[in-house]
Amino acid sequence: MIVVVVSWLYFVLIQLLGLVTDAVGLVVLAPACYLHAWTQPDTLSINLDPPGRRVDRWSWGWLNTVWGNPEDGVSGGQALISIGGRRQPYLPATRAGWRAYRWSALRNRSDSMKYRLAWQHGPFYQRPLTLFGERLLFKAGWQLETGIKVPVLSLKAP
């Protein structure tokens, strides 16, 4: 019982840390995006769909510790998002700096942190809910993602 309580307390601390790094990222990533401070897509993505895809990373290396994105890159230029069940590029007609800010500071805030705080034995809870007539799925804990159990807290349509 004590292990479960400590596990969930650790999860709450991670979420609080995430709030801080998300807020700092809104400020820190603005100049990085404006100055296009990312590399060419030279790093192999940890996401194997499609296999062999290369993604960019911050050229200011210290940013990758918290705000990197080993799945889809940091600029959004290599990102593929699902729309209507089809994978499509993320904002292909948008200026690169603005797309990068939307991708890294607004959509995938502190993305690299989830891999640094992964825990293979962390608890996971999910429950379907209906809120204002809309079906939603609540998730909290460590969810398996690209072969790693990463911390997640979400309320989304299933």
C-alpha atoms as a PDB file:
ATOM      1  CA  MET A   1       0.000   0.000   0.000  1.00  0.00           C
ATOM      2  CA  ILE A   2       2.809   2.417   0.878  1.00  0.00           C
ATOM      3  CA  VAL A   3       4.452   1.793  -2.513  1.00  0.00           C
ATOM      4  CA  VAL A   4       1.230   2.786  -4.301  1.00  0.00           C
ATOM      5  CA  VAL A   5       0.894   5.992  -2.264  1.00  0.00           C
ATOM      6  CA  VAL A   6       4.541   6.940  -2.858  1.00  0.00           C
ATOM      7  CA  SER A   7       4.122   6.170  -6.587  1.00  0.00           C
ATOM      8  CA  TRP A   8       1.180   8.541  -6.908  1.00  0.00           C
ATOM      9  CA  LEU A   9       2.930  11.249  -4.837  1.00  0.00           C
ATOM     10  CA  TYR A  10       5.877  10.973  -7.225  1.00  0.00           C
ATOM     11  CA  PHE A  11       3.433  11.339 -10.132  1.00  0.00           C
ATOM     12  CA  VAL A  12       1.978  14.533  -8.602  1.00  0.00           C
ATOM     13  CA  LEU A  13       5.494  15.967  -8.186  1.00  0.00           C
ATOM     14  CA  ILE A  14       6.221  15.207 -11.844  1.00  0.00           C
ATOM     15  CA  GLN A  15       3.062  17.033 -12.899  1.00  0.00           C
ATOM     16  CA  LEU A  16       4.012  20.074 -10.788  1.00  0.00           C
ATOM     17  CA  LEU A  17       7.504  20.064 -12.289  1.00  0.00           C
ATOM     18  CA  GLY A  18       5.866  19.905 -15.712  1.00  0.00           C
ATOM     19  CA  LEU A  19       3.831  23.040 -14.983  1.00  0.00           C
ATOM     20  CA  VAL A  20       7.031  24.920 -14.168  1.00  0.00           C
ATOM     21  CA  THR A  21       8.980  23.688 -17.211  1.00  0.00           C
ATOM     22  CA  ASP A  22       5.973  24.372 -19.465  1.00  0.00           C
ATOM     23  CA  ALA A  23       5.780  27.991 -18.253  1.00  0.00           C
ATOM     24  CA  VAL A  24       9.539  28.510 -18.605  1.00  0.00           C
ATOM     25  CA  GLY A  25       9.387  26.976 -22.089  1.00  0.00           C
ATOM     26  CA  LEU A  26       6.898  29.586 -23.269  1.00  0.00           C
ATOM     27  CA  VAL A  27       9.603  32.199 -22.666  1.00  0.00           C
ATOM     28  CA  VAL A  28      12.817  30.282 -23.407  1.00  0.00           C
ATOM     29  CA  LEU A  29      11.617  28.745 -26.675  1.00  0.00           C
ATOM     30  CA  ALA A  30      10.460  32.054 -28.192  1.00  0.00           C
ATOM     31  CA  PRO A  31      13.972  33.258 -29.153  1.00  0.00           C
ATOM     32  CA  ALA A  32      15.072  29.737 -30.138  1.00  0.00           C
ATOM     33  CA  CYS A  33      12.147  29.441 -32.548  1.00  0.00           C
ATOM     34  CA  TYR A  34      12.523  32.983 -33.858  1.00  0.00           C
ATOM     35  CA  LEU A  35      16.216  32.344 -34.598  1.00  0.00           C
ATOM     36  CA  HIS A  36      15.525  28.882 -36.102  1.00  0.00           C
ATOM     37  CA  ALA A  37      17.895  27.330 -33.556  1.00  0.00           C
ATOM     38  CA  TRP A  38      17.411  23.733 -34.637  1.00  0.00           C
ATOM     39  CA  THR A  39      19.560  21.299 -36.617  1.00  0.00           C
ATOM     40  CA  GLN A  40      18.890  19.587 -39.916  1.00  0.00           C
ATOM     41  CA  PRO A  41      16.937  16.324 -39.440  1.00  0.00           C
ATOM     42  CA  ASP A  42      19.975  14.246 -38.470  1.00  0.00           C
ATOM     43  CA  THR A  43      18.720  12.234 -35.476  1.00  0.00           C
ATOM     44  CA  LEU A  44      16.896   8.927 -35.850  1.00  0.00           C
ATOM     45  CA  SER A  45      13.358   9.196 -34.417  1.00  0.00           C
ATOM     46  CA  ILE A  46      12.439   6.851 -31.564  1.00  0.00           C
ATOM     47  CA  ASN A  47       9.042   6.541 -33.243  1.00  0.00           C
ATOM     48  CA  LEU A  48       9.237   3.705 -35.757  1.00  0.00           C
ATOM     49  CA  ASP A  49       6.290   4.902 -37.853  1.00  0.00           C
ATOM     50  CA  PRO A  50       7.575   5.364 -40.504  1.00  0.00           C
ATOM     51  CA  PRO A  51      10.831   3.466 -39.886  1.00  0.00           C
ATOM     52  CA  GLY A  52      14.127   5.272 -40.407  1.00  0.00           C
ATOM     53  CA  ARG A  53      12.644   8.767 -40.106  1.00  0.00           C
ATOM     54  CA  ARG A  54      15.124  11.440 -39.056  1.00  0.00           C
ATOM     55  CA  VAL A  55      14.149  14.432 -36.932  1.00  0.00           C
ATOM     56  CA  ASP A  56      15.727  17.720 -35.912  1.00  0.00           C
ATOM     57  CA  ARG A  57      16.790  18.822 -32.444  1.00  0.00           C
ATOM     58  CA  TRP A  58      17.728  22.114 -30.814  1.00  0.00           C
ATOM     59  CA  SER A  59      21.144  23.384 -31.882  1.00  0.00           C
ATOM     60  CA  TRP A  60      21.342  24.996 -28.436  1.00  0.00           C
ATOM     61  CA  GLY A  61      21.991  21.562 -26.897  1.00  0.00           C
ATOM     62  CA  TRP A  62      20.843  22.364 -23.352  1.00  0.00           C
ATOM     63  CA  LEU A  63      17.275  22.929 -24.623  1.00  0.00           C
ATOM     64  CA  ASN A  64      17.019  19.253 -25.649  1.00  0.00           C
ATOM     65  CA  THR A  65      17.173  18.124 -22.005  1.00  0.00           C
ATOM     66  CA  VAL A  66      13.684  19.466 -21.274  1.00  0.00           C
ATOM     67  CA  TRP A  67      12.166  20.733 -24.537  1.00  0.00           C
ATOM     68  CA  GLY A  68      13.575  18.266 -27.070  1.00  0.00           C
ATOM     69  CA  ASN A  69      11.328  15.858 -28.974  1.00  0.00           C
ATOM     70  CA  PRO A  70      12.986  12.539 -29.923  1.00  0.00           C
ATOM     71  CA  GLU A  71       9.806  11.312 -31.628  1.00  0.00           C
ATOM     72  CA  ASP A  72       8.966  14.101 -34.080  1.00  0.00           C
ATOM     73  CA  GLY A  73      11.677  16.743 -33.798  1.00  0.00           C
ATOM     74  CA  VAL A  74      11.509  20.231 -32.351  1.00  0.00           C
ATOM     75  CA  SER A  75      10.554  22.395 -35.343  1.00  0.00           C
ATOM     76  CA  GLY A  76       7.422  20.480 -36.337  1.00  0.00           C
ATOM     77  CA  GLY A  77       8.904  20.138 -39.821  1.00  0.00           C
ATOM     78  CA  GLN A  78       9.109  16.336 -39.626  1.00  0.00           C
ATOM     79  CA  ALA A  79       6.007  15.926 -37.455  1.00  0.00           C
ATOM     80  CA  LEU A  80       3.164  13.758 -38.677  1.00  0.00           C
ATOM     81  CA  ILE A  81      -0.169  14.200 -36.921  1.00  0.00           C
ATOM     82  CA  SER A  82      -3.327  12.167 -37.264  1.00  0.00           C
ATOM     83  CA  ILE A  83      -6.285  13.981 -38.803  1.00  0.00           C
ATOM     84  CA  GLY A  84      -9.336  11.906 -39.635  1.00  0.00           C
ATOM     85  CA  GLY A  85      -7.310   8.714 -39.257  1.00  0.00           C
ATOM     86  CA  ARG A  86      -4.669   9.849 -41.790  1.00  0.00           C
ATOM     87  CA  ARG A  87      -1.132  10.963 -40.943  1.00  0.00           C
ATOM     88  CA  GLN A  88      -0.377  14.427 -42.266  1.00  0.00           C
ATOM     89  CA  PRO A  89       2.435  17.000 -41.888  1.00  0.00           C
ATOM     90  CA  TYR A  90       1.988  19.528 -39.087  1.00  0.00           C
ATOM     91  CA  LEU A  91       1.129  23.025 -40.387  1.00  0.00           C
ATOM     92  CA  PRO A  92       3.064  22.711 -43.670  1.00  0.00           C
ATOM     93  CA  ALA A  93       2.093  26.209 -44.926  1.00  0.00           C
ATOM     94  CA  THR A  94       3.113  28.012 -41.708  1.00  0.00           C
ATOM     95  CA  ARG A  95       6.344  30.013 -41.265  1.00  0.00           C
ATOM     96  CA  ALA A  96       9.023  27.750 -39.750  1.00  0.00           C
ATOM     97  CA  GLY A  97       9.631  29.796 -36.581  1.00  0.00           C
ATOM     98  CA  TRP A  98       5.930  30.080 -35.735  1.00  0.00           C
ATOM     99  CA  ARG A  99       5.353  26.381 -36.530  1.00  0.00           C
ATOM    100  CA  ALA A 100       8.288  25.448 -34.245  1.00  0.00           C
ATOM    101  CA  TYR A 101       6.897  27.574 -31.399  1.00  0.00           C
ATOM    102  CA  ARG A 102       3.425  26.104 -31.775  1.00  0.00           C
ATOM    103  CA  TRP A 103       4.896  22.589 -31.944  1.00  0.00           C
ATOM    104  CA  SER A 104       7.449  22.776 -29.115  1.00  0.00           C
ATOM    105  CA  ALA A 105       6.124  25.438 -26.739  1.00  0.00           C
ATOM    106  CA  LEU A 106       2.358  25.019 -27.124  1.00  0.00           C
ATOM    107  CA  ARG A 107       1.611  21.479 -28.352  1.00  0.00           C
ATOM    108  CA  ASN A 108       4.470  19.311 -27.002  1.00  0.00           C
ATOM    109  CA  ARG A 109       5.482  21.254 -23.925  1.00  0.00           C
ATOM    110  CA  SER A 110       8.504  19.819 -22.051  1.00  0.00           C
ATOM    111  CA  ASP A 111       8.269  16.691 -24.227  1.00  0.00           C
ATOM    112  CA  SER A 112      11.731  15.360 -23.442  1.00  0.00           C
ATOM    113  CA  MET A 113      10.962  15.288 -19.721  1.00  0.00           C
ATOM    114  CA  LYS A 114       8.577  12.365 -20.110  1.00  0.00           C
ATOM    115  CA  TYR A 115      11.444  10.141 -21.263  1.00  0.00           C
ATOM    116  CA  ARG A 116      13.706  11.316 -18.449  1.00  0.00           C
ATOM    117  CA  LEU A 117      10.958  10.531 -15.911  1.00  0.00           C
ATOM    118  CA  ALA A 118       9.870   7.215 -17.448  1.00  0.00           C
ATOM    119  CA  TRP A 119       9.264   4.410 -14.981  1.00  0.00           C
ATOM    120  CA  GLN A 120       8.573   0.868 -16.168  1.00  0.00           C
ATOM    121  CA  HIS A 121       6.800  -0.054 -12.888  1.00  0.00           C
ATOM    122  CA  GLY A 122       4.751   3.120 -12.509  1.00  0.00           C
ATOM    123  CA  PRO A 123       0.995   2.703 -11.953  1.00  0.00           C
ATOM    124  CA  PHE A 124      -1.525   3.608 -14.648  1.00  0.00           C
ATOM    125  CA  TYR A 125      -5.222   4.434 -14.351  1.00  0.00           C
ATOM    126  CA  GLN A 126      -7.754   5.139 -17.067  1.00  0.00           C
ATOM    127  CA  ARG A 127     -11.495   5.585 -16.984  1.00  0.00           C
ATOM    128  CA  PRO A 128     -14.115   6.559 -19.569  1.00  0.00           C
ATOM    129  CA  LEU A 129     -16.217   9.563 -18.562  1.00  0.00           C
ATOM    130  CA  THR A 130     -19.147  11.500 -19.952  1.00  0.00           C
ATOM    131  CA  LEU A 131     -18.874  15.249 -19.450  1.00  0.00           C
ATOM    132  CA  PHE A 132     -21.531  17.613 -20.821  1.00  0.00           C
ATOM    133  CA  GLY A 133     -22.772  14.767 -23.020  1.00  0.00           C
ATOM    134  CA  GLU A 134     -19.333  14.145 -24.571  1.00  0.00           C
ATOM    135  CA  ARG A 135     -17.538  10.813 -24.139  1.00  0.00           C
ATOM    136  CA  LEU A 136     -13.993  11.273 -22.842  1.00  0.00           C
ATOM    137  CA  LEU A 137     -11.163   9.094 -21.591  1.00  0.00           C
ATOM    138  CA  PHE A 138      -9.266  10.123 -18.437  1.00  0.00           C
ATOM    139  CA  LYS A 139      -5.687   8.818 -18.115  1.00  0.00           C
ATOM    140  CA  ALA A 140      -3.191   9.256 -15.277  1.00  0.00           C
ATOM    141  CA  GLY A 141       0.069   7.518 -14.445  1.00  0.00           C
ATOM    142  CA  TRP A 142       2.699   5.850 -16.592  1.00  0.00           C
ATOM    143  CA  GLN A 143       1.409   4.753 -20.000  1.00  0.00           C
ATOM    144  CA  LEU A 144       3.314   2.612 -22.489  1.00  0.00           C
ATOM    145  CA  GLU A 145       4.397   4.788 -25.435  1.00  0.00           C
ATOM    146  CA  THR A 146       7.011   3.790 -28.037  1.00  0.00           C
ATOM    147  CA  GLY A 147       8.057   0.911 -25.759  1.00  0.00           C
ATOM    148  CA  ILE A 148       8.569   3.118 -22.685  1.00  0.00           C
ATOM    149  CA  LYS A 149       6.178   3.815 -19.793  1.00  0.00           C
ATOM    150  CA  VAL A 150       6.006   7.618 -19.648  1.00  0.00           C
ATOM    151  CA  PRO A 151       4.009   9.864 -17.305  1.00  0.00           C
ATOM    152  CA  VAL A 152       0.695  10.995 -18.764  1.00  0.00           C
ATOM    153  CA  LEU A 153      -2.224  13.059 -17.481  1.00  0.00           C
ATOM    154  CA  SER A 154      -4.953  13.610 -20.056  1.00  0.00           C
ATOM    155  CA  LEU A 155      -8.676  13.953 -20.661  1.00  0.00           C
ATOM    156  CA  LYS A 156      -9.466  13.450 -24.359  1.00  0.00           C
ATOM    157  CA  ALA A 157     -12.008  11.980 -26.702  1.00  0.00           C
ATOM    158  CA  PRO A 158     -11.226   8.255 -27.109  1.00  0.00           C
END
